[in-house]
Amino acid sequence: MTLTAPAAAPPAQERPAAPRRPVRPLRVLLHVFLGLVALGWLLPLALAVYASVRPYEETARLGYVSMPEHLTLDYYVQAWTQAELPRYYLNTLIIVVPGVVVTLFLASFTAFAIARLRVPGRKVLLIVFTAGNLLPPQVLITPLYTFYTLVPLPEWLSDSQSLYDSYLGLILIHVAFQFGFCVFVMANFMRTIPEEITEAALVDGAGVWKRYWRLTLPLCRPVLAALSTLQFTWMYNDFLWALVLMSSGDKLPVTSALNNLRGQFFTDYNLLAAGSMLVALPTLIVFQLLHKQFVAGLTLGSTKG
């Protein structure tokens, strides 16, 4: 009886190394340009954060671009209490949350009608919604102010008994101005959804509401997340309409709370920088929570297959 040694396994074939792309001058210039643009956006923010943790006396003596002698978070505590930020945060949530929800609901339903229903003149309607975004809001300040003062509201809905100086008035103007952009984005996205899906639901007897709420809207989660992030940021950062359409100081949104940090004869800009960081914090939190969905919504349709 003879024993034979097992045959040696063939050596594993190494994968060929991927060829390196040649370094192109245009690509290098593009990366340099993008780096400079990013630096231009981040530098003011970094300077504001740096100023917010330094005493004003030190920056007045040494300059804002200098090595620190003392760092402190006292300005953040002072800004939180002096500007009464908790109350203004609540005012902003009362305005922004209903504004975002109503805008996305109305825009998604309108976009569904344009993209999926045989609505007469739907292309003209979409063009009108898109053209409305090109109208500068400043030209509407005077007629809107006059109109708001003439529209009556019950006392439980507005202390002024008119649309002026009410949360409802501010919510409506945000919905009106953001509605067209959301319809344009969502209608174009819904057109990428295969029509066979809604046709099959129609054969099964699904009505318009069921096709919209149960079938189309769940497929629009990425674009809804992207629009939610944008709409929250835009409505949260608004200062113009709150200044024009509201007069009660206790109803103003948080962007106007920074005025409480300005003195009559002197302004501590380091304290103002700390207040600005606190005011901007909610938008950073919202973007951090929804950044994956936001990027997914922006890149929809960029690849095929």
C-alpha atoms as a PDB file:
ATOM      1  CA  MET A   1       0.000   0.000   0.000  1.00  0.00           C
ATOM      2  CA  THR A   2       1.468   3.266  -1.078  1.00  0.00           C
ATOM      3  CA  LEU A   3       0.569   6.699   0.151  1.00  0.00           C
ATOM      4  CA  THR A   4       0.525   9.644  -2.179  1.00  0.00           C
ATOM      5  CA  ALA A   5       0.962  13.170  -0.977  1.00  0.00           C
ATOM      6  CA  PRO A   6      -1.963  15.440  -1.698  1.00  0.00           C
ATOM      7  CA  ALA A   7      -1.468  17.774  -4.601  1.00  0.00           C
ATOM      8  CA  ALA A   8      -0.492  21.248  -3.594  1.00  0.00           C
ATOM      9  CA  ALA A   9      -3.162  23.848  -4.020  1.00  0.00           C
ATOM     10  CA  PRO A  10      -2.512  26.204  -6.878  1.00  0.00           C
ATOM     11  CA  PRO A  11      -1.307  29.611  -5.722  1.00  0.00           C
ATOM     12  CA  ALA A  12      -3.997  32.181  -5.450  1.00  0.00           C
ATOM     13  CA  GLN A  13      -3.982  34.563  -8.329  1.00  0.00           C
ATOM     14  CA  GLU A  14      -3.350  38.090  -7.245  1.00  0.00           C
ATOM     15  CA  ARG A  15      -5.725  40.668  -8.518  1.00  0.00           C
ATOM     16  CA  PRO A  16      -4.115  43.099 -10.854  1.00  0.00           C
ATOM     17  CA  ALA A  17      -3.683  46.478  -9.308  1.00  0.00           C
ATOM     18  CA  ALA A  18      -6.119  49.047 -10.557  1.00  0.00           C
ATOM     19  CA  PRO A  19      -4.428  51.489 -12.885  1.00  0.00           C
ATOM     20  CA  ARG A  20      -3.939  54.894 -11.368  1.00  0.00           C
ATOM     21  CA  ARG A  21      -5.690  57.740 -12.997  1.00  0.00           C
ATOM     22  CA  PRO A  22      -3.369  60.328 -14.388  1.00  0.00           C
ATOM     23  CA  VAL A  23      -3.296  63.580 -12.473  1.00  0.00           C
ATOM     24  CA  ARG A  24      -4.996  66.155 -14.631  1.00  0.00           C
ATOM     25  CA  PRO A  25      -4.282  69.861 -14.165  1.00  0.00           C
ATOM     26  CA  LEU A  26      -7.978  70.727 -14.435  1.00  0.00           C
ATOM     27  CA  ARG A  27      -8.866  68.282 -11.644  1.00  0.00           C
ATOM     28  CA  VAL A  28      -6.142  69.779  -9.434  1.00  0.00           C
ATOM     29  CA  LEU A  29      -7.479  73.274 -10.102  1.00  0.00           C
ATOM     30  CA  LEU A  30     -11.005  72.094  -9.321  1.00  0.00           C
ATOM     31  CA  HIS A  31      -9.960  70.657  -5.950  1.00  0.00           C
ATOM     32  CA  VAL A  32      -8.012  73.820  -5.117  1.00  0.00           C
ATOM     33  CA  PHE A  33     -11.025  75.964  -6.041  1.00  0.00           C
ATOM     34  CA  LEU A  34     -13.409  73.844  -3.955  1.00  0.00           C
ATOM     35  CA  GLY A  35     -11.004  73.947  -1.027  1.00  0.00           C
ATOM     36  CA  LEU A  36     -10.820  77.750  -1.200  1.00  0.00           C
ATOM     37  CA  VAL A  37     -14.615  78.010  -1.385  1.00  0.00           C
ATOM     38  CA  ALA A  38     -15.006  75.715   1.631  1.00  0.00           C
ATOM     39  CA  LEU A  39     -12.407  77.753   3.520  1.00  0.00           C
ATOM     40  CA  GLY A  40     -14.247  80.964   2.652  1.00  0.00           C
ATOM     41  CA  TRP A  41     -17.472  79.559   4.108  1.00  0.00           C
ATOM     42  CA  LEU A  42     -15.918  78.037   7.223  1.00  0.00           C
ATOM     43  CA  LEU A  43     -13.506  80.842   8.154  1.00  0.00           C
ATOM     44  CA  PRO A  44     -16.170  83.341   9.348  1.00  0.00           C
ATOM     45  CA  LEU A  45     -17.827  80.586  11.382  1.00  0.00           C
ATOM     46  CA  ALA A  46     -14.507  79.601  12.951  1.00  0.00           C
ATOM     47  CA  LEU A  47     -13.752  83.244  13.800  1.00  0.00           C
ATOM     48  CA  ALA A  48     -17.198  83.646  15.401  1.00  0.00           C
ATOM     49  CA  VAL A  49     -16.676  80.519  17.539  1.00  0.00           C
ATOM     50  CA  TYR A  50     -13.190  81.744  18.492  1.00  0.00           C
ATOM     51  CA  ALA A  51     -14.484  85.193  19.442  1.00  0.00           C
ATOM     52  CA  SER A  52     -17.343  83.735  21.499  1.00  0.00           C
ATOM     53  CA  VAL A  53     -14.931  82.052  23.948  1.00  0.00           C
ATOM     54  CA  ARG A  54     -12.669  85.097  24.492  1.00  0.00           C
ATOM     55  CA  PRO A  55     -13.358  88.114  26.715  1.00  0.00           C
ATOM     56  CA  TYR A  56     -14.092  91.310  24.820  1.00  0.00           C
ATOM     57  CA  GLU A  57     -11.397  93.190  26.729  1.00  0.00           C
ATOM     58  CA  GLU A  58      -8.792  90.766  25.434  1.00  0.00           C
ATOM     59  CA  THR A  59      -9.876  90.984  21.805  1.00  0.00           C
ATOM     60  CA  ALA A  60     -10.115  94.784  22.022  1.00  0.00           C
ATOM     61  CA  ARG A  61      -6.552  94.908  23.310  1.00  0.00           C
ATOM     62  CA  LEU A  62      -4.938  92.216  21.142  1.00  0.00           C
ATOM     63  CA  GLY A  63      -7.302  92.010  18.158  1.00  0.00           C
ATOM     64  CA  TYR A  64      -9.574  89.206  17.024  1.00  0.00           C
ATOM     65  CA  VAL A  65      -6.780  87.426  15.142  1.00  0.00           C
ATOM     66  CA  SER A  66      -4.381  86.805  18.040  1.00  0.00           C
ATOM     67  CA  MET A  67      -3.362  84.092  20.473  1.00  0.00           C
ATOM     68  CA  PRO A  68      -5.783  83.784  23.409  1.00  0.00           C
ATOM     69  CA  GLU A  69      -4.793  84.478  26.986  1.00  0.00           C
ATOM     70  CA  HIS A  70      -8.025  83.219  28.538  1.00  0.00           C
ATOM     71  CA  LEU A  71     -10.879  81.075  27.193  1.00  0.00           C
ATOM     72  CA  THR A  72     -14.300  80.936  28.826  1.00  0.00           C
ATOM     73  CA  LEU A  73     -17.872  79.831  28.160  1.00  0.00           C
ATOM     74  CA  ASP A  74     -19.390  82.626  30.246  1.00  0.00           C
ATOM     75  CA  TYR A  75     -20.658  84.407  27.152  1.00  0.00           C
ATOM     76  CA  TYR A  76     -22.844  81.416  26.244  1.00  0.00           C
ATOM     77  CA  VAL A  77     -24.461  81.410  29.690  1.00  0.00           C
ATOM     78  CA  GLN A  78     -24.944  85.159  29.526  1.00  0.00           C
ATOM     79  CA  ALA A  79     -26.425  85.022  26.018  1.00  0.00           C
ATOM     80  CA  TRP A  80     -28.815  82.221  27.003  1.00  0.00           C
ATOM     81  CA  THR A  81     -30.249  84.225  29.906  1.00  0.00           C
ATOM     82  CA  GLN A  82     -29.959  87.793  28.648  1.00  0.00           C
ATOM     83  CA  ALA A  83     -31.496  87.108  25.220  1.00  0.00           C
ATOM     84  CA  GLU A  84     -34.262  84.928  26.747  1.00  0.00           C
ATOM     85  CA  LEU A  85     -33.528  82.263  24.150  1.00  0.00           C
ATOM     86  CA  PRO A  86     -35.854  79.518  25.514  1.00  0.00           C
ATOM     87  CA  ARG A  87     -38.931  81.678  24.944  1.00  0.00           C
ATOM     88  CA  TYR A  88     -37.822  82.683  21.442  1.00  0.00           C
ATOM     89  CA  TYR A  89     -36.997  79.066  20.592  1.00  0.00           C
ATOM     90  CA  LEU A  90     -40.593  78.181  21.462  1.00  0.00           C
ATOM     91  CA  ASN A  91     -41.913  81.013  19.274  1.00  0.00           C
ATOM     92  CA  THR A  92     -39.838  79.728  16.376  1.00  0.00           C
ATOM     93  CA  LEU A  93     -41.086  76.157  16.798  1.00  0.00           C
ATOM     94  CA  ILE A  94     -44.692  77.399  16.820  1.00  0.00           C
ATOM     95  CA  ILE A  95     -44.039  79.011  13.437  1.00  0.00           C
ATOM     96  CA  VAL A  96     -41.616  76.624  11.736  1.00  0.00           C
ATOM     97  CA  VAL A  97     -43.025  73.167  12.567  1.00  0.00           C
ATOM     98  CA  PRO A  98     -46.566  73.821  11.248  1.00  0.00           C
ATOM     99  CA  GLY A  99     -45.088  75.757   8.323  1.00  0.00           C
ATOM    100  CA  VAL A 100     -42.897  72.848   7.228  1.00  0.00           C
ATOM    101  CA  VAL A 101     -45.633  70.223   7.712  1.00  0.00           C
ATOM    102  CA  VAL A 102     -48.336  72.196   5.864  1.00  0.00           C
ATOM    103  CA  THR A 103     -45.971  73.167   3.040  1.00  0.00           C
ATOM    104  CA  LEU A 104     -44.810  69.602   2.393  1.00  0.00           C
ATOM    105  CA  PHE A 105     -48.336  68.157   2.638  1.00  0.00           C
ATOM    106  CA  LEU A 106     -49.893  70.643   0.216  1.00  0.00           C
ATOM    107  CA  ALA A 107     -46.899  70.551  -2.123  1.00  0.00           C
ATOM    108  CA  SER A 108     -46.782  66.750  -2.237  1.00  0.00           C
ATOM    109  CA  PHE A 109     -50.503  66.469  -2.972  1.00  0.00           C
ATOM    110  CA  THR A 110     -50.284  69.144  -5.675  1.00  0.00           C
ATOM    111  CA  ALA A 111     -47.209  67.498  -7.167  1.00  0.00           C
ATOM    112  CA  PHE A 112     -49.051  64.171  -7.202  1.00  0.00           C
ATOM    113  CA  ALA A 113     -51.906  65.746  -9.130  1.00  0.00           C
ATOM    114  CA  ILE A 114     -49.501  67.275 -11.649  1.00  0.00           C
ATOM    115  CA  ALA A 115     -47.352  64.172 -12.090  1.00  0.00           C
ATOM    116  CA  ARG A 116     -49.941  61.390 -11.858  1.00  0.00           C
ATOM    117  CA  LEU A 117     -53.392  62.792 -12.695  1.00  0.00           C
ATOM    118  CA  ARG A 118     -54.663  64.111 -15.996  1.00  0.00           C
ATOM    119  CA  VAL A 119     -55.121  67.666 -14.765  1.00  0.00           C
ATOM    120  CA  PRO A 120     -55.823  70.160 -17.590  1.00  0.00           C
ATOM    121  CA  GLY A 121     -53.034  72.697 -17.927  1.00  0.00           C
ATOM    122  CA  ARG A 122     -50.752  70.923 -15.469  1.00  0.00           C
ATOM    123  CA  LYS A 123     -47.598  72.004 -17.314  1.00  0.00           C
ATOM    124  CA  VAL A 124     -48.705  75.633 -17.242  1.00  0.00           C
ATOM    125  CA  LEU A 125     -49.530  75.241 -13.542  1.00  0.00           C
ATOM    126  CA  LEU A 126     -46.043  73.895 -12.828  1.00  0.00           C
ATOM    127  CA  ILE A 127     -44.480  76.797 -14.742  1.00  0.00           C
ATOM    128  CA  VAL A 128     -46.538  79.261 -12.682  1.00  0.00           C
ATOM    129  CA  PHE A 129     -45.390  77.642  -9.436  1.00  0.00           C
ATOM    130  CA  THR A 130     -41.780  77.787 -10.608  1.00  0.00           C
ATOM    131  CA  ALA A 131     -42.049  81.405 -11.769  1.00  0.00           C
ATOM    132  CA  GLY A 132     -43.447  82.389  -8.383  1.00  0.00           C
ATOM    133  CA  ASN A 133     -40.073  81.579  -6.825  1.00  0.00           C
ATOM    134  CA  LEU A 134     -38.479  84.311  -8.952  1.00  0.00           C
ATOM    135  CA  LEU A 135     -40.628  87.045  -7.414  1.00  0.00           C
ATOM    136  CA  PRO A 136     -38.572  89.050  -4.880  1.00  0.00           C
ATOM    137  CA  PRO A 137     -40.383  89.191  -1.541  1.00  0.00           C
ATOM    138  CA  GLN A 138     -39.427  92.835  -0.967  1.00  0.00           C
ATOM    139  CA  VAL A 139     -41.898  94.061  -3.604  1.00  0.00           C
ATOM    140  CA  LEU A 140     -44.780  92.524  -1.612  1.00  0.00           C
ATOM    141  CA  ILE A 141     -44.015  94.120   1.741  1.00  0.00           C
ATOM    142  CA  THR A 142     -46.395  97.091   1.442  1.00  0.00           C
ATOM    143  CA  PRO A 143     -49.430  95.289  -0.053  1.00  0.00           C
ATOM    144  CA  LEU A 144     -49.015  92.338   2.314  1.00  0.00           C
ATOM    145  CA  TYR A 145     -48.803  94.633   5.339  1.00  0.00           C
ATOM    146  CA  THR A 146     -51.998  96.425   4.268  1.00  0.00           C
ATOM    147  CA  PHE A 147     -53.777  93.151   3.512  1.00  0.00           C
ATOM    148  CA  TYR A 148     -52.795  91.589   6.838  1.00  0.00           C
ATOM    149  CA  THR A 149     -54.167  94.538   8.804  1.00  0.00           C
ATOM    150  CA  LEU A 150     -57.545  94.271   7.006  1.00  0.00           C
ATOM    151  CA  VAL A 151     -58.138  90.505   7.436  1.00  0.00           C
ATOM    152  CA  PRO A 152     -60.078  89.918  10.690  1.00  0.00           C
ATOM    153  CA  LEU A 153     -59.388  86.988  12.997  1.00  0.00           C
ATOM    154  CA  PRO A 154     -61.077  85.922  16.252  1.00  0.00           C
ATOM    155  CA  GLU A 155     -59.433  87.043  19.466  1.00  0.00           C
ATOM    156  CA  TRP A 156     -58.477  83.486  20.479  1.00  0.00           C
ATOM    157  CA  LEU A 157     -56.437  83.208  17.295  1.00  0.00           C
ATOM    158  CA  SER A 158     -54.859  86.680  17.280  1.00  0.00           C
ATOM    159  CA  ASP A 159     -54.537  89.282  20.020  1.00  0.00           C
ATOM    160  CA  SER A 160     -54.692  92.039  17.397  1.00  0.00           C
ATOM    161  CA  GLN A 161     -57.911  90.492  15.975  1.00  0.00           C
ATOM    162  CA  SER A 162     -56.339  90.596  12.516  1.00  0.00           C
ATOM    163  CA  LEU A 163     -53.907  88.540  10.481  1.00  0.00           C
ATOM    164  CA  TYR A 164     -51.202  91.073  11.352  1.00  0.00           C
ATOM    165  CA  ASP A 165     -49.096  90.293  14.419  1.00  0.00           C
ATOM    166  CA  SER A 166     -50.217  86.660  14.581  1.00  0.00           C
ATOM    167  CA  TYR A 167     -48.456  83.324  14.309  1.00  0.00           C
ATOM    168  CA  LEU A 168     -50.972  82.235  11.681  1.00  0.00           C
ATOM    169  CA  GLY A 169     -50.058  85.133   9.415  1.00  0.00           C
ATOM    170  CA  LEU A 170     -46.370  84.295   9.573  1.00  0.00           C
ATOM    171  CA  ILE A 171     -47.040  80.595   8.922  1.00  0.00           C
ATOM    172  CA  LEU A 172     -49.183  81.426   5.876  1.00  0.00           C
ATOM    173  CA  ILE A 173     -46.557  83.655   4.266  1.00  0.00           C
ATOM    174  CA  HIS A 174     -43.894  80.973   4.706  1.00  0.00           C
ATOM    175  CA  VAL A 175     -46.170  78.352   3.182  1.00  0.00           C
ATOM    176  CA  ALA A 176     -47.009  80.632   0.260  1.00  0.00           C
ATOM    177  CA  PHE A 177     -43.401  81.420  -0.599  1.00  0.00           C
ATOM    178  CA  GLN A 178     -42.001  77.895  -0.175  1.00  0.00           C
ATOM    179  CA  PHE A 179     -44.926  76.078  -1.795  1.00  0.00           C
ATOM    180  CA  GLY A 180     -43.842  76.596  -5.425  1.00  0.00           C
ATOM    181  CA  PHE A 181     -40.303  75.337  -4.924  1.00  0.00           C
ATOM    182  CA  CYS A 182     -41.493  72.179  -3.150  1.00  0.00           C
ATOM    183  CA  VAL A 183     -44.078  71.459  -5.865  1.00  0.00           C
ATOM    184  CA  PHE A 184     -41.420  71.815  -8.561  1.00  0.00           C
ATOM    185  CA  VAL A 185     -38.996  69.442  -6.816  1.00  0.00           C
ATOM    186  CA  MET A 186     -41.579  66.815  -5.847  1.00  0.00           C
ATOM    187  CA  ALA A 187     -43.356  66.787  -9.203  1.00  0.00           C
ATOM    188  CA  ASN A 188     -40.087  66.081 -10.999  1.00  0.00           C
ATOM    189  CA  PHE A 189     -39.276  63.324  -8.512  1.00  0.00           C
ATOM    190  CA  MET A 190     -42.696  61.678  -8.798  1.00  0.00           C
ATOM    191  CA  ARG A 191     -42.284  61.498 -12.549  1.00  0.00           C
ATOM    192  CA  THR A 192     -39.339  59.141 -11.996  1.00  0.00           C
ATOM    193  CA  ILE A 193     -41.586  56.640 -10.190  1.00  0.00           C
ATOM    194  CA  PRO A 194     -42.757  53.958 -12.660  1.00  0.00           C
ATOM    195  CA  GLU A 195     -46.336  54.557 -13.707  1.00  0.00           C
ATOM    196  CA  GLU A 196     -46.995  50.810 -13.654  1.00  0.00           C
ATOM    197  CA  ILE A 197     -47.108  50.983  -9.843  1.00  0.00           C
ATOM    198  CA  THR A 198     -49.988  53.456  -9.726  1.00  0.00           C
ATOM    199  CA  GLU A 199     -51.710  51.789 -12.684  1.00  0.00           C
ATOM    200  CA  ALA A 200     -51.686  48.445 -10.857  1.00  0.00           C
ATOM    201  CA  ALA A 201     -53.177  50.137  -7.775  1.00  0.00           C
ATOM    202  CA  LEU A 202     -55.826  51.762  -9.978  1.00  0.00           C
ATOM    203  CA  VAL A 203     -56.773  48.343 -11.397  1.00  0.00           C
ATOM    204  CA  ASP A 204     -57.124  47.036  -7.835  1.00  0.00           C
ATOM    205  CA  GLY A 205     -59.642  49.771  -7.136  1.00  0.00           C
ATOM    206  CA  ALA A 206     -57.450  52.229  -5.201  1.00  0.00           C
ATOM    207  CA  GLY A 207     -58.765  55.772  -5.187  1.00  0.00           C
ATOM    208  CA  VAL A 208     -56.788  58.974  -5.565  1.00  0.00           C
ATOM    209  CA  TRP A 209     -56.164  59.377  -1.829  1.00  0.00           C
ATOM    210  CA  LYS A 210     -54.975  55.807  -1.359  1.00  0.00           C
ATOM    211  CA  ARG A 211     -52.672  56.041  -4.372  1.00  0.00           C
ATOM    212  CA  TYR A 212     -51.220  59.234  -2.947  1.00  0.00           C
ATOM    213  CA  TRP A 213     -51.028  58.403   0.778  1.00  0.00           C
ATOM    214  CA  ARG A 214     -50.381  54.667   0.779  1.00  0.00           C
ATOM    215  CA  LEU A 215     -48.370  54.233  -2.431  1.00  0.00           C
ATOM    216  CA  THR A 216     -46.669  57.369  -3.728  1.00  0.00           C
ATOM    217  CA  LEU A 217     -45.828  59.234  -0.535  1.00  0.00           C
ATOM    218  CA  PRO A 218     -43.797  56.383   1.075  1.00  0.00           C
ATOM    219  CA  LEU A 219     -41.634  56.284  -2.071  1.00  0.00           C
ATOM    220  CA  CYS A 220     -40.918  60.005  -1.657  1.00  0.00           C
ATOM    221  CA  ARG A 221     -39.208  59.751   1.740  1.00  0.00           C
ATOM    222  CA  PRO A 222     -35.733  60.784   0.479  1.00  0.00           C
ATOM    223  CA  VAL A 223     -36.986  63.921  -1.255  1.00  0.00           C
ATOM    224  CA  LEU A 224     -39.282  64.720   1.691  1.00  0.00           C
ATOM    225  CA  ALA A 225     -36.309  64.507   4.066  1.00  0.00           C
ATOM    226  CA  ALA A 226     -34.217  66.757   1.824  1.00  0.00           C
ATOM    227  CA  LEU A 227     -37.012  69.318   1.513  1.00  0.00           C
ATOM    228  CA  SER A 228     -37.735  69.145   5.256  1.00  0.00           C
ATOM    229  CA  THR A 229     -34.131  70.068   6.007  1.00  0.00           C
ATOM    230  CA  LEU A 230     -34.136  72.945   3.529  1.00  0.00           C
ATOM    231  CA  GLN A 231     -37.536  74.274   4.579  1.00  0.00           C
ATOM    232  CA  PHE A 232     -36.718  74.123   8.276  1.00  0.00           C
ATOM    233  CA  THR A 233     -33.480  76.014   7.671  1.00  0.00           C
ATOM    234  CA  TRP A 234     -35.097  78.688   5.494  1.00  0.00           C
ATOM    235  CA  MET A 235     -38.085  79.291   7.768  1.00  0.00           C
ATOM    236  CA  TYR A 236     -35.953  79.179  10.903  1.00  0.00           C
ATOM    237  CA  ASN A 237     -33.496  81.756   9.555  1.00  0.00           C
ATOM    238  CA  ASP A 238     -36.188  84.165   8.358  1.00  0.00           C
ATOM    239  CA  PHE A 239     -35.971  87.655   9.771  1.00  0.00           C
ATOM    240  CA  LEU A 240     -37.684  89.833   7.134  1.00  0.00           C
ATOM    241  CA  TRP A 241     -41.288  88.649   7.457  1.00  0.00           C
ATOM    242  CA  ALA A 242     -41.182  88.479  11.238  1.00  0.00           C
ATOM    243  CA  LEU A 243     -39.937  92.070  11.301  1.00  0.00           C
ATOM    244  CA  VAL A 244     -42.612  93.310   8.879  1.00  0.00           C
ATOM    245  CA  LEU A 245     -45.671  91.280   9.863  1.00  0.00           C
ATOM    246  CA  MET A 246     -45.259  91.180  13.660  1.00  0.00           C
ATOM    247  CA  SER A 247     -45.010  93.925  16.244  1.00  0.00           C
ATOM    248  CA  SER A 248     -45.254  92.141  19.622  1.00  0.00           C
ATOM    249  CA  GLY A 249     -41.779  91.512  20.990  1.00  0.00           C
ATOM    250  CA  ASP A 250     -42.864  88.405  22.895  1.00  0.00           C
ATOM    251  CA  LYS A 251     -44.000  86.706  19.637  1.00  0.00           C
ATOM    252  CA  LEU A 252     -40.901  87.253  17.513  1.00  0.00           C
ATOM    253  CA  PRO A 253     -38.790  84.250  16.403  1.00  0.00           C
ATOM    254  CA  VAL A 254     -35.337  83.472  17.724  1.00  0.00           C
ATOM    255  CA  THR A 255     -33.498  85.313  14.943  1.00  0.00           C
ATOM    256  CA  SER A 256     -34.733  88.577  16.422  1.00  0.00           C
ATOM    257  CA  ALA A 257     -33.557  87.623  19.925  1.00  0.00           C
ATOM    258  CA  LEU A 258     -30.046  88.772  19.053  1.00  0.00           C
ATOM    259  CA  ASN A 259     -31.306  92.359  19.258  1.00  0.00           C
ATOM    260  CA  ASN A 260     -31.596  91.841  23.012  1.00  0.00           C
ATOM    261  CA  LEU A 261     -27.807  91.484  23.168  1.00  0.00           C
ATOM    262  CA  ARG A 262     -27.152  94.873  21.601  1.00  0.00           C
ATOM    263  CA  GLY A 263     -26.741  97.776  23.980  1.00  0.00           C
ATOM    264  CA  GLN A 264     -27.888 101.318  23.328  1.00  0.00           C
ATOM    265  CA  PHE A 265     -24.392 102.786  23.348  1.00  0.00           C
ATOM    266  CA  PHE A 266     -22.125  99.732  23.290  1.00  0.00           C
ATOM    267  CA  THR A 267     -22.286  96.250  21.753  1.00  0.00           C
ATOM    268  CA  ASP A 268     -20.152  93.376  22.980  1.00  0.00           C
ATOM    269  CA  TYR A 269     -19.551  91.538  19.706  1.00  0.00           C
ATOM    270  CA  ASN A 270     -18.081  88.534  21.497  1.00  0.00           C
ATOM    271  CA  LEU A 271     -21.359  88.152  23.379  1.00  0.00           C
ATOM    272  CA  LEU A 272     -23.213  88.616  20.090  1.00  0.00           C
ATOM    273  CA  ALA A 273     -21.082  85.866  18.533  1.00  0.00           C
ATOM    274  CA  ALA A 274     -21.980  83.484  21.356  1.00  0.00           C
ATOM    275  CA  GLY A 275     -25.660  84.281  20.882  1.00  0.00           C
ATOM    276  CA  SER A 276     -25.333  83.664  17.145  1.00  0.00           C
ATOM    277  CA  MET A 277     -23.841  80.230  17.792  1.00  0.00           C
ATOM    278  CA  LEU A 278     -26.738  79.336  20.100  1.00  0.00           C
ATOM    279  CA  VAL A 279     -29.275  80.575  17.553  1.00  0.00           C
ATOM    280  CA  ALA A 280     -27.667  78.515  14.764  1.00  0.00           C
ATOM    281  CA  LEU A 281     -27.458  75.341  16.871  1.00  0.00           C
ATOM    282  CA  PRO A 282     -30.954  73.911  16.064  1.00  0.00           C
ATOM    283  CA  THR A 283     -30.323  74.002  12.304  1.00  0.00           C
ATOM    284  CA  LEU A 284     -27.052  72.122  12.806  1.00  0.00           C
ATOM    285  CA  ILE A 285     -28.849  69.496  14.912  1.00  0.00           C
ATOM    286  CA  VAL A 286     -31.582  69.031  12.287  1.00  0.00           C
ATOM    287  CA  PHE A 287     -29.035  68.690   9.500  1.00  0.00           C
ATOM    288  CA  GLN A 288     -27.012  66.179  11.522  1.00  0.00           C
ATOM    289  CA  LEU A 289     -30.117  64.069  12.147  1.00  0.00           C
ATOM    290  CA  LEU A 290     -31.245  64.115   8.518  1.00  0.00           C
ATOM    291  CA  HIS A 291     -27.961  64.462   6.626  1.00  0.00           C
ATOM    292  CA  LYS A 292     -28.083  60.926   5.170  1.00  0.00           C
ATOM    293  CA  GLN A 293     -31.592  61.420   3.848  1.00  0.00           C
ATOM    294  CA  PHE A 294     -30.674  64.929   2.714  1.00  0.00           C
ATOM    295  CA  VAL A 295     -27.728  63.704   0.626  1.00  0.00           C
ATOM    296  CA  ALA A 296     -29.811  60.818  -0.720  1.00  0.00           C
ATOM    297  CA  GLY A 297     -32.524  63.249  -1.793  1.00  0.00           C
ATOM    298  CA  LEU A 298     -30.037  65.529  -3.535  1.00  0.00           C
ATOM    299  CA  THR A 299     -28.369  62.665  -5.446  1.00  0.00           C
ATOM    300  CA  LEU A 300     -31.589  61.066  -6.693  1.00  0.00           C
ATOM    301  CA  GLY A 301     -31.333  60.453 -10.401  1.00  0.00           C
ATOM    302  CA  SER A 302     -27.593  61.108 -10.558  1.00  0.00           C
ATOM    303  CA  THR A 303     -26.905  57.412 -11.277  1.00  0.00           C
ATOM    304  CA  LYS A 304     -28.750  54.845 -13.365  1.00  0.00           C
ATOM    305  CA  GLY A 305     -28.906  51.105 -13.055  1.00  0.00           C
END
